[in-house]
Protein backbone atom coordinates (compact mmCIF):
# COMPACT_ATOMS: atom_id res chain seq x y z
CA GLY A 1 112.04 141.34 79.00
CA SER A 2 111.77 142.88 82.43
CA GLY A 3 107.91 142.85 82.70
CA GLY A 4 108.16 139.39 81.83
CA GLY A 5 110.75 138.92 84.89
CA ASP A 6 108.59 140.64 87.30
CA GLY A 7 105.52 138.97 86.14
CA GLY A 8 107.34 135.60 86.49
CA GLY A 9 108.73 136.80 89.87
CA GLY A 10 105.22 137.95 90.94
CA GLY A 11 103.76 134.64 89.99
CA GLY A 12 106.39 132.79 91.81
CA GLY A 13 105.82 134.73 94.99
CA GLY A 14 102.09 134.23 94.82
CA GLY A 15 103.03 130.52 94.00
CA GLY A 16 105.03 130.55 97.00
CA ASP A 17 101.69 130.44 99.22
CA ASP A 18 100.06 128.57 96.58
CA GLY A 19 102.95 126.51 95.60
CA GLY A 20 101.90 123.67 98.03
CA GLY A 21 98.45 123.72 96.79
CA GLU A 22 99.85 123.63 93.14
CA VAL A 23 102.17 120.83 93.84
CA GLN A 24 99.31 119.03 95.43
CA SER A 25 97.04 119.76 92.40
CA ILE A 26 99.61 118.31 90.24
CA GLN A 27 100.11 115.31 92.14
CA SER A 28 96.38 114.95 92.30
CA GLU A 29 96.18 115.37 88.71
CA PHE A 30 99.00 112.83 88.10
CA GLY A 31 97.28 110.41 90.41
CA ARG A 32 94.07 110.67 88.12
CA THR A 33 96.03 110.18 84.99
CA ALA A 34 97.96 107.21 86.58
CA ILE A 35 94.74 105.50 87.40
CA SER A 36 93.52 106.12 83.88
CA ALA A 37 96.75 104.99 82.34
CA SER A 38 96.84 101.61 84.64
CA ILE A 39 93.65 100.60 83.21
CA ALA A 40 93.92 101.67 79.39
CA LEU A 41 97.45 100.37 79.19
CA PRO A 42 96.86 96.73 79.51
CA LEU A 43 93.76 97.00 77.37
CA ILE A 44 95.70 98.58 74.56
CA TRP A 45 98.40 95.97 74.75
CA LEU A 46 96.03 93.12 74.69
CA SER A 47 94.53 94.79 71.52
CA MET A 48 97.81 94.31 69.91
CA LEU A 49 96.52 90.47 69.64
CA TYR A 50 94.02 91.62 67.02
CA TYR A 51 96.80 93.18 64.99
CA MET A 52 98.87 90.03 65.44
CA ASN A 53 96.32 88.04 63.45
CA GLY A 54 97.76 89.47 60.12
CA PHE A 55 101.13 87.57 60.54
CA GLU A 56 100.97 83.66 59.99
CA ARG A 57 103.06 82.76 62.92
CA SER A 58 101.95 85.15 65.69
CA GLY A 59 98.42 84.77 64.28
CA MET A 60 98.05 81.23 65.00
CA LEU A 61 99.09 81.96 68.74
CA ALA A 62 96.95 85.13 69.13
CA ARG A 63 93.66 83.28 67.73
CA MET A 64 94.68 80.47 70.36
CA VAL A 65 94.84 83.12 73.12
CA LEU A 66 91.60 84.62 72.19
CA GLU A 67 89.70 81.37 71.93
CA THR A 68 91.07 79.99 75.44
CA GLY A 69 89.77 83.26 76.95
CA ARG A 70 86.29 82.72 75.31
CA GLY A 71 86.43 79.11 76.51
CA ILE A 72 87.28 79.68 80.21
CA PHE A 73 84.51 82.15 80.82
CA SER A 74 81.86 79.92 82.36
CA PHE A 75 84.65 78.34 84.24
CA SER A 76 85.77 81.71 85.65
CA ILE A 77 82.33 82.34 86.70
CA ILE A 78 82.30 79.11 88.56
CA LEU A 79 85.22 80.00 90.28
CA ALA A 80 84.31 83.24 91.19
CA VAL A 81 81.41 82.05 93.10
CA VAL A 82 83.16 79.56 94.89
CA ILE A 83 85.92 82.39 95.76
CA VAL A 84 83.15 85.02 96.95
CA GLY A 85 81.06 82.51 98.74
CA PHE A 86 83.96 81.05 100.92
CA ALA A 87 85.41 84.67 101.17
CA LEU A 88 82.41 85.94 102.85
CA ALA A 89 82.34 82.83 105.13
CA PHE A 90 86.11 83.51 106.11
CA TYR A 91 85.18 87.15 106.60
CA MET A 92 82.23 86.45 108.90
CA LEU A 93 84.38 83.97 111.06
CA VAL A 94 87.01 86.72 111.32
CA GLN A 95 84.69 89.55 112.30
CA GLY A 96 82.89 87.45 114.86
CA GLY A 97 86.28 86.57 116.59
CA ASP A 98 88.57 89.19 118.45
CA GLY A 99 90.75 89.28 115.10
CA PHE A 100 93.82 88.99 116.92
CA VAL A 101 96.69 86.34 116.82
CA ASN A 102 99.73 85.71 118.93
CA HIS A 103 98.76 87.80 122.23
CA SER A 104 101.87 88.85 124.02
CA TYR A 105 101.84 90.65 127.39
CA PHE A 106 104.10 92.87 128.86
CA VAL A 107 104.13 95.32 131.70
CA GLN A 108 105.17 98.85 131.18
CA GLY A 109 105.14 101.44 134.06
CA GLY A 110 102.86 99.02 136.20
CA GLU A 111 100.31 98.72 133.46
CA THR A 112 99.77 95.51 131.36
CA ILE A 113 99.80 95.93 127.46
CA ASP A 114 98.22 93.60 125.21
CA VAL A 115 100.48 93.38 121.91
CA ALA A 116 98.83 91.22 119.38
CA ALA A 117 99.12 91.11 115.47
CA THR A 118 95.85 91.59 113.76
CA LEU A 119 94.41 89.48 111.09
CA ALA A 120 95.34 91.36 108.03
CA GLY A 121 93.11 90.80 104.81
CA TYR A 122 89.65 90.84 106.44
CA GLU A 123 88.88 94.60 107.07
CA SER A 124 86.16 94.48 104.28
CA PRO A 125 84.37 92.09 102.17
CA PRO A 126 86.28 92.93 99.11
CA LYS A 127 89.44 92.55 100.88
CA ALA A 128 88.35 89.15 102.07
CA VAL A 129 87.75 87.98 98.46
CA LEU A 130 91.41 89.28 97.50
CA THR A 131 92.63 87.25 100.59
CA ALA A 132 90.53 83.90 99.44
CA PHE A 133 92.22 84.61 96.02
CA ALA A 134 95.58 84.63 97.58
CA PHE A 135 94.69 81.22 99.48
CA MET A 136 93.94 79.63 96.31
CA LEU A 137 97.40 80.69 94.90
CA GLY A 138 98.87 79.23 98.25
CA ASP A 139 99.57 82.22 99.97
CA PHE A 140 98.09 81.56 103.61
CA ASP A 141 99.06 81.44 107.14
CA LEU A 142 97.35 78.63 109.24
CA SER A 143 98.36 80.32 112.43
CA THR A 144 96.21 83.11 111.93
CA PHE A 145 92.92 80.95 112.32
CA PRO A 146 92.83 81.06 116.00
CA GLY A 147 91.89 84.52 116.00
CA THR A 148 88.52 83.68 114.35
CA ALA A 149 85.21 83.10 115.90
CA ASN A 150 85.65 79.25 115.62
CA ALA A 151 89.11 78.00 114.63
CA GLU A 152 87.92 74.53 114.03
CA LEU A 153 85.35 75.96 111.71
CA MET A 154 87.85 78.13 110.11
CA ASP A 155 89.98 75.12 109.58
CA ALA A 156 87.28 72.87 107.95
CA LEU A 157 86.06 75.61 105.65
CA PHE A 158 89.79 76.29 104.61
CA VAL A 159 90.18 72.51 103.85
CA VAL A 160 86.83 72.15 101.65
CA TYR A 161 87.59 75.38 99.96
CA GLN A 162 91.03 74.31 98.98
CA VAL A 163 89.76 70.99 97.69
CA LEU A 164 87.03 72.65 95.99
CA VAL A 165 89.16 75.15 94.33
CA THR A 166 91.57 72.55 93.38
CA ILE A 167 89.24 70.29 91.76
CA ILE A 168 87.71 73.27 89.81
CA MET A 169 91.45 74.60 88.67
CA LEU A 170 91.93 70.79 87.57
CA ASN A 171 88.77 70.74 85.50
CA LEU A 172 90.38 73.51 83.40
CA LEU A 173 92.76 71.17 82.07
CA ILE A 174 90.19 68.91 80.79
């Protein structure tokens, strides 16, 4: 009894120095587990569609969802090509510009300081693809375009992109 208490106390004392490392290790382990779970959980729940086939009413709906998923594969490829192509064009225009919008200047202690909002979403090509995907869903701010290498070209590409994506999305309904 008392030896166990001493061992626990000794482990606790040694853990005081390593306690931060142990907590960090647990957090790191949980982070890896969370990443694995975030991938596995949607797949597991989607696999429920297979088991729903055994029931009359839900089986019809499950088969419809699965057939729709198979049917939109080629549509998804075409949409992905358009999104990636325009995203890279937007990325190049942003990288070629100063990357800032809404320049504001103020003087502090005799020194002029430029305060500008940076263009978020174009830090890397994958982030630009996510930004182009958000454009497709209507999440855009036209006031950020002046921070690009050529604002007029960015406007024109944006309009062409929106029209093209809308036509592709409407063809999904056909």
